[in-house]
Amino acid sequence: MTARQVFYEGHVQGVGFRYTTKQVAMGFDVRGWVKNLADGRVEMLVLGEAEEVEEFLQEIRDSVLGGHIRNETVEEIVPPDGVTGFSIER
C-alpha cells in the first residue's frame, strides 16, 4: 500500500477538477479524496498499490485536466487509516 499527497496549481478551481478527478478514480482501485484549498490549489490524497496509484495520477495528467495544471507536487506519505472510497471533500 502506498499513499501520495498531491497538490495541483494552475487553473484548477471552477473547472470541474474535483468532479473529474472523482470520475477518473472510479476506473482505478484507489481510495482517497480531493479538495479545493483557500489559496487556489487543489489537494488530493490517494492510496492504493503503487502501480495503480501511478497509473491513476498519469491518467489525470493525460485527461482534460492536464491542460489546467501548471504545477504538480507529489509527496509519498504514510498511509492514513480509515480512508474508504474516493470522495470530494469540502
Protein backbone atom coordinates (compact mmCIF):
# COMPACT_ATOMS: atom_id res chain seq x y z
CA MET A 1 0.00 0.00 0.00
CA THR A 2 1.30 3.42 -0.94
CA ALA A 3 -0.08 6.88 -0.28
CA ARG A 4 0.55 10.12 -2.13
CA GLN A 5 -0.39 13.66 -1.20
CA VAL A 6 -0.68 15.73 -4.36
CA PHE A 7 -1.02 19.49 -4.78
CA TYR A 8 -2.12 20.90 -8.13
CA GLU A 9 -1.58 24.52 -9.13
CA GLY A 10 -2.89 26.42 -12.13
CA HIS A 11 -6.47 26.98 -13.28
CA VAL A 12 -7.66 24.06 -11.15
CA GLN A 13 -10.68 25.53 -9.38
CA GLY A 14 -14.01 26.29 -11.03
CA VAL A 15 -13.35 23.91 -13.95
CA GLY A 16 -14.79 20.65 -12.56
CA PHE A 17 -11.39 19.45 -11.39
CA ARG A 18 -12.63 17.65 -8.27
CA TYR A 19 -15.61 16.07 -10.02
CA THR A 20 -13.48 14.86 -12.94
CA THR A 21 -10.83 13.50 -10.57
CA LYS A 22 -13.51 11.50 -8.76
CA GLN A 23 -14.78 10.15 -12.08
CA VAL A 24 -11.26 9.12 -13.12
CA ALA A 25 -10.77 7.41 -9.73
CA MET A 26 -13.76 5.16 -10.44
CA GLY A 27 -11.66 3.41 -13.11
CA PHE A 28 -8.88 2.54 -10.68
CA ASP A 29 -8.50 0.58 -7.46
CA VAL A 30 -7.63 3.65 -5.38
CA ARG A 31 -9.04 5.37 -2.31
CA GLY A 32 -8.74 8.93 -1.09
CA TRP A 33 -10.17 12.39 -1.50
CA VAL A 34 -9.76 15.65 -3.38
CA LYS A 35 -10.49 19.18 -2.17
CA ASN A 36 -10.06 22.85 -3.04
CA LEU A 37 -7.72 24.93 -0.90
CA ALA A 38 -8.23 28.59 0.02
CA ASP A 39 -5.03 29.58 -1.85
CA GLY A 40 -6.41 28.35 -5.22
CA ARG A 41 -4.68 24.98 -5.29
CA VAL A 42 -6.31 21.55 -5.22
CA GLU A 43 -5.10 18.93 -2.74
CA MET A 44 -5.55 15.21 -3.25
CA LEU A 45 -4.81 12.16 -1.13
CA VAL A 46 -4.64 8.86 -3.00
CA LEU A 47 -3.96 5.38 -1.61
CA GLY A 48 -3.54 2.05 -3.35
CA GLU A 49 -0.97 -0.29 -4.79
CA ALA A 50 2.00 1.72 -6.11
CA GLU A 51 1.44 0.89 -9.79
CA GLU A 52 -2.28 1.64 -9.58
CA VAL A 53 -1.63 4.99 -7.90
CA GLU A 54 0.94 5.97 -10.53
CA GLU A 55 -1.40 4.97 -13.38
CA PHE A 56 -4.22 6.99 -11.78
CA LEU A 57 -2.01 10.08 -11.45
CA GLN A 58 -0.88 9.69 -15.07
CA GLU A 59 -4.49 9.40 -16.22
CA ILE A 60 -5.24 12.72 -14.52
CA ARG A 61 -2.29 14.32 -16.34
CA ASP A 62 -3.43 12.84 -19.66
CA SER A 63 -7.09 13.85 -19.18
CA VAL A 64 -8.70 17.19 -19.97
CA LEU A 65 -7.45 18.28 -16.54
CA GLY A 66 -3.85 18.24 -17.74
CA GLY A 67 -4.37 21.50 -19.60
CA HIS A 68 -5.35 23.23 -16.35
CA ILE A 69 -2.38 22.02 -14.31
CA ARG A 70 0.59 24.39 -14.21
CA ASN A 71 2.45 22.60 -11.42
CA GLU A 72 2.03 19.30 -9.60
CA THR A 73 3.76 18.42 -6.34
CA VAL A 74 3.62 14.76 -5.28
CA GLU A 75 4.83 13.54 -1.90
CA GLU A 76 4.85 9.99 -0.58
CA ILE A 77 3.27 9.87 2.87
CA VAL A 78 2.45 7.24 5.48
CA PRO A 79 -0.92 5.72 4.52
CA PRO A 80 -3.55 7.02 6.93
CA ASP A 81 -6.12 4.67 8.46
CA GLY A 82 -9.83 4.77 7.81
CA VAL A 83 -9.86 6.05 4.22
CA THR A 84 -12.61 4.37 2.21
CA GLY A 85 -13.77 5.11 -1.30
CA PHE A 86 -12.82 8.26 -3.16
CA SER A 87 -14.61 11.45 -2.18
CA ILE A 88 -14.79 15.18 -2.77
CA GLU A 89 -14.03 16.97 0.49
CA ARG A 90 -15.20 20.45 1.32
